[in-house]
């Protein structure tokens, strides 16, 4: 619970950097819609992989997708010029 709360706080802190003051509520709504949808799809995909091919395929899929997502986020943050720590 503590890990999720700390990560979620960092992600939510990025939202105001990309929208104006008047659209902040809408941006948070879209953010949570996308996060919820992504959790649903990812759980369905990993669960299906686990059932059909076993745990090693599901774990490998998760690791590869995580590396791709981290790499894409680093490129996105650099391109937008957001200050890093």
C-alpha atoms as a PDB file:
ATOM      1  CA  UNK A   1       0.000   0.000   0.000  1.00  0.00           C
ATOM      2  CA  UNK A   2       2.776   2.465   0.887  1.00  0.00           C
ATOM      3  CA  UNK A   3       4.692   1.791  -2.346  1.00  0.00           C
ATOM      4  CA  UNK A   4       1.626   2.336  -4.513  1.00  0.00           C
ATOM      5  CA  UNK A   5       0.796   5.572  -2.698  1.00  0.00           C
ATOM      6  CA  UNK A   6       4.301   6.967  -3.174  1.00  0.00           C
ATOM      7  CA  UNK A   7       4.413   6.082  -6.882  1.00  0.00           C
ATOM      8  CA  UNK A   8       0.899   7.362  -7.495  1.00  0.00           C
ATOM      9  CA  UNK A   9       1.805  10.681  -5.883  1.00  0.00           C
ATOM     10  CA  UNK A  10       4.735  11.162  -8.244  1.00  0.00           C
ATOM     11  CA  UNK A  11       2.588  10.325 -11.264  1.00  0.00           C
ATOM     12  CA  UNK A  12      -0.176  12.692 -10.167  1.00  0.00           C
ATOM     13  CA  UNK A  13       2.381  15.459  -9.663  1.00  0.00           C
ATOM     14  CA  UNK A  14       3.210  15.346 -13.386  1.00  0.00           C
ATOM     15  CA  UNK A  15      -0.375  16.068 -14.497  1.00  0.00           C
ATOM     16  CA  UNK A  16      -0.379  19.822 -13.693  1.00  0.00           C
ATOM     17  CA  UNK A  17       2.837  20.276 -15.703  1.00  0.00           C
ATOM     18  CA  UNK A  18       0.995  19.473 -18.921  1.00  0.00           C
ATOM     19  CA  UNK A  19      -2.360  21.287 -18.538  1.00  0.00           C
ATOM     20  CA  UNK A  20      -3.571  24.718 -17.599  1.00  0.00           C
ATOM     21  CA  UNK A  21      -5.250  25.612 -14.314  1.00  0.00           C
ATOM     22  CA  UNK A  22      -8.749  25.558 -15.844  1.00  0.00           C
ATOM     23  CA  UNK A  23      -8.368  21.983 -17.195  1.00  0.00           C
ATOM     24  CA  UNK A  24      -6.723  20.372 -14.190  1.00  0.00           C
ATOM     25  CA  UNK A  25      -9.852  18.517 -13.011  1.00  0.00           C
ATOM     26  CA  UNK A  26     -10.497  17.157 -16.490  1.00  0.00           C
ATOM     27  CA  UNK A  27      -6.867  16.086 -16.789  1.00  0.00           C
ATOM     28  CA  UNK A  28      -7.058  14.138 -13.531  1.00  0.00           C
ATOM     29  CA  UNK A  29     -10.300  12.507 -14.703  1.00  0.00           C
ATOM     30  CA  UNK A  30      -8.732  11.439 -17.998  1.00  0.00           C
ATOM     31  CA  UNK A  31      -5.616  10.286 -16.127  1.00  0.00           C
ATOM     32  CA  UNK A  32      -7.607   7.990 -13.837  1.00  0.00           C
ATOM     33  CA  UNK A  33      -9.741   6.727 -16.739  1.00  0.00           C
ATOM     34  CA  UNK A  34      -6.591   5.722 -18.608  1.00  0.00           C
ATOM     35  CA  UNK A  35      -4.926   4.204 -15.539  1.00  0.00           C
ATOM     36  CA  UNK A  36      -8.018   2.158 -14.677  1.00  0.00           C
ATOM     37  CA  UNK A  37      -8.421   0.961 -18.256  1.00  0.00           C
ATOM     38  CA  UNK A  38      -4.741   0.046 -18.461  1.00  0.00           C
ATOM     39  CA  UNK A  39      -4.948  -1.943 -15.215  1.00  0.00           C
ATOM     40  CA  UNK A  40      -7.965  -3.850 -16.520  1.00  0.00           C
ATOM     41  CA  UNK A  41      -6.338  -4.718 -19.853  1.00  0.00           C
ATOM     42  CA  UNK A  42      -2.955  -5.565 -18.329  1.00  0.00           C
ATOM     43  CA  UNK A  43      -4.473  -7.865 -15.721  1.00  0.00           C
ATOM     44  CA  UNK A  44      -6.516  -9.646 -18.391  1.00  0.00           C
ATOM     45  CA  UNK A  45      -3.485 -10.099 -20.671  1.00  0.00           C
ATOM     46  CA  UNK A  46      -1.109 -11.296 -17.945  1.00  0.00           C
ATOM     47  CA  UNK A  47      -3.767 -13.586 -16.500  1.00  0.00           C
ATOM     48  CA  UNK A  48      -4.395 -15.111 -19.916  1.00  0.00           C
ATOM     49  CA  UNK A  49      -0.674 -15.586 -20.542  1.00  0.00           C
ATOM     50  CA  UNK A  50      -0.308 -17.217 -17.126  1.00  0.00           C
ATOM     51  CA  UNK A  51      -3.194 -19.625 -17.762  1.00  0.00           C
ATOM     52  CA  UNK A  52      -2.210 -20.505 -21.340  1.00  0.00           C
ATOM     53  CA  UNK A  53       1.600 -20.561 -21.205  1.00  0.00           C
ATOM     54  CA  UNK A  54       2.636 -20.546 -17.547  1.00  0.00           C
ATOM     55  CA  UNK A  55       4.162 -18.123 -15.098  1.00  0.00           C
ATOM     56  CA  UNK A  56       7.537 -17.723 -16.830  1.00  0.00           C
ATOM     57  CA  UNK A  57       5.942 -16.297 -19.992  1.00  0.00           C
ATOM     58  CA  UNK A  58       3.741 -13.937 -17.973  1.00  0.00           C
ATOM     59  CA  UNK A  59       6.703 -12.677 -15.924  1.00  0.00           C
ATOM     60  CA  UNK A  60       8.891 -12.265 -19.012  1.00  0.00           C
ATOM     61  CA  UNK A  61       6.109 -10.313 -20.748  1.00  0.00           C
ATOM     62  CA  UNK A  62       5.756  -8.048 -17.704  1.00  0.00           C
ATOM     63  CA  UNK A  63       9.494  -7.376 -17.498  1.00  0.00           C
ATOM     64  CA  UNK A  64       9.835  -6.591 -21.212  1.00  0.00           C
ATOM     65  CA  UNK A  65       6.832  -4.266 -21.192  1.00  0.00           C
ATOM     66  CA  UNK A  66       8.142  -2.500 -18.071  1.00  0.00           C
ATOM     67  CA  UNK A  67      11.508  -1.832 -19.696  1.00  0.00           C
ATOM     68  CA  UNK A  68       9.804  -0.494 -22.831  1.00  0.00           C
ATOM     69  CA  UNK A  69       7.522   1.760 -20.759  1.00  0.00           C
ATOM     70  CA  UNK A  70      10.386   3.145 -18.677  1.00  0.00           C
ATOM     71  CA  UNK A  71      12.417   3.859 -21.813  1.00  0.00           C
ATOM     72  CA  UNK A  72       9.484   5.598 -23.500  1.00  0.00           C
ATOM     73  CA  UNK A  73       8.801   7.693 -20.409  1.00  0.00           C
ATOM     74  CA  UNK A  74      12.432   8.802 -20.202  1.00  0.00           C
ATOM     75  CA  UNK A  75      12.333   9.884 -23.846  1.00  0.00           C
ATOM     76  CA  UNK A  76       9.028  11.685 -23.318  1.00  0.00           C
ATOM     77  CA  UNK A  77      10.262  13.560 -20.241  1.00  0.00           C
ATOM     78  CA  UNK A  78      13.468  14.621 -22.005  1.00  0.00           C
ATOM     79  CA  UNK A  79      11.593  15.778 -25.100  1.00  0.00           C
ATOM     80  CA  UNK A  80       9.111  17.860 -23.070  1.00  0.00           C
ATOM     81  CA  UNK A  81      11.890  19.449 -21.023  1.00  0.00           C
ATOM     82  CA  UNK A  82      10.416  18.562 -17.651  1.00  0.00           C
ATOM     83  CA  UNK A  83      12.863  19.126 -14.809  1.00  0.00           C
ATOM     84  CA  UNK A  84      14.372  15.954 -13.444  1.00  0.00           C
ATOM     85  CA  UNK A  85      15.498  15.371  -9.880  1.00  0.00           C
END
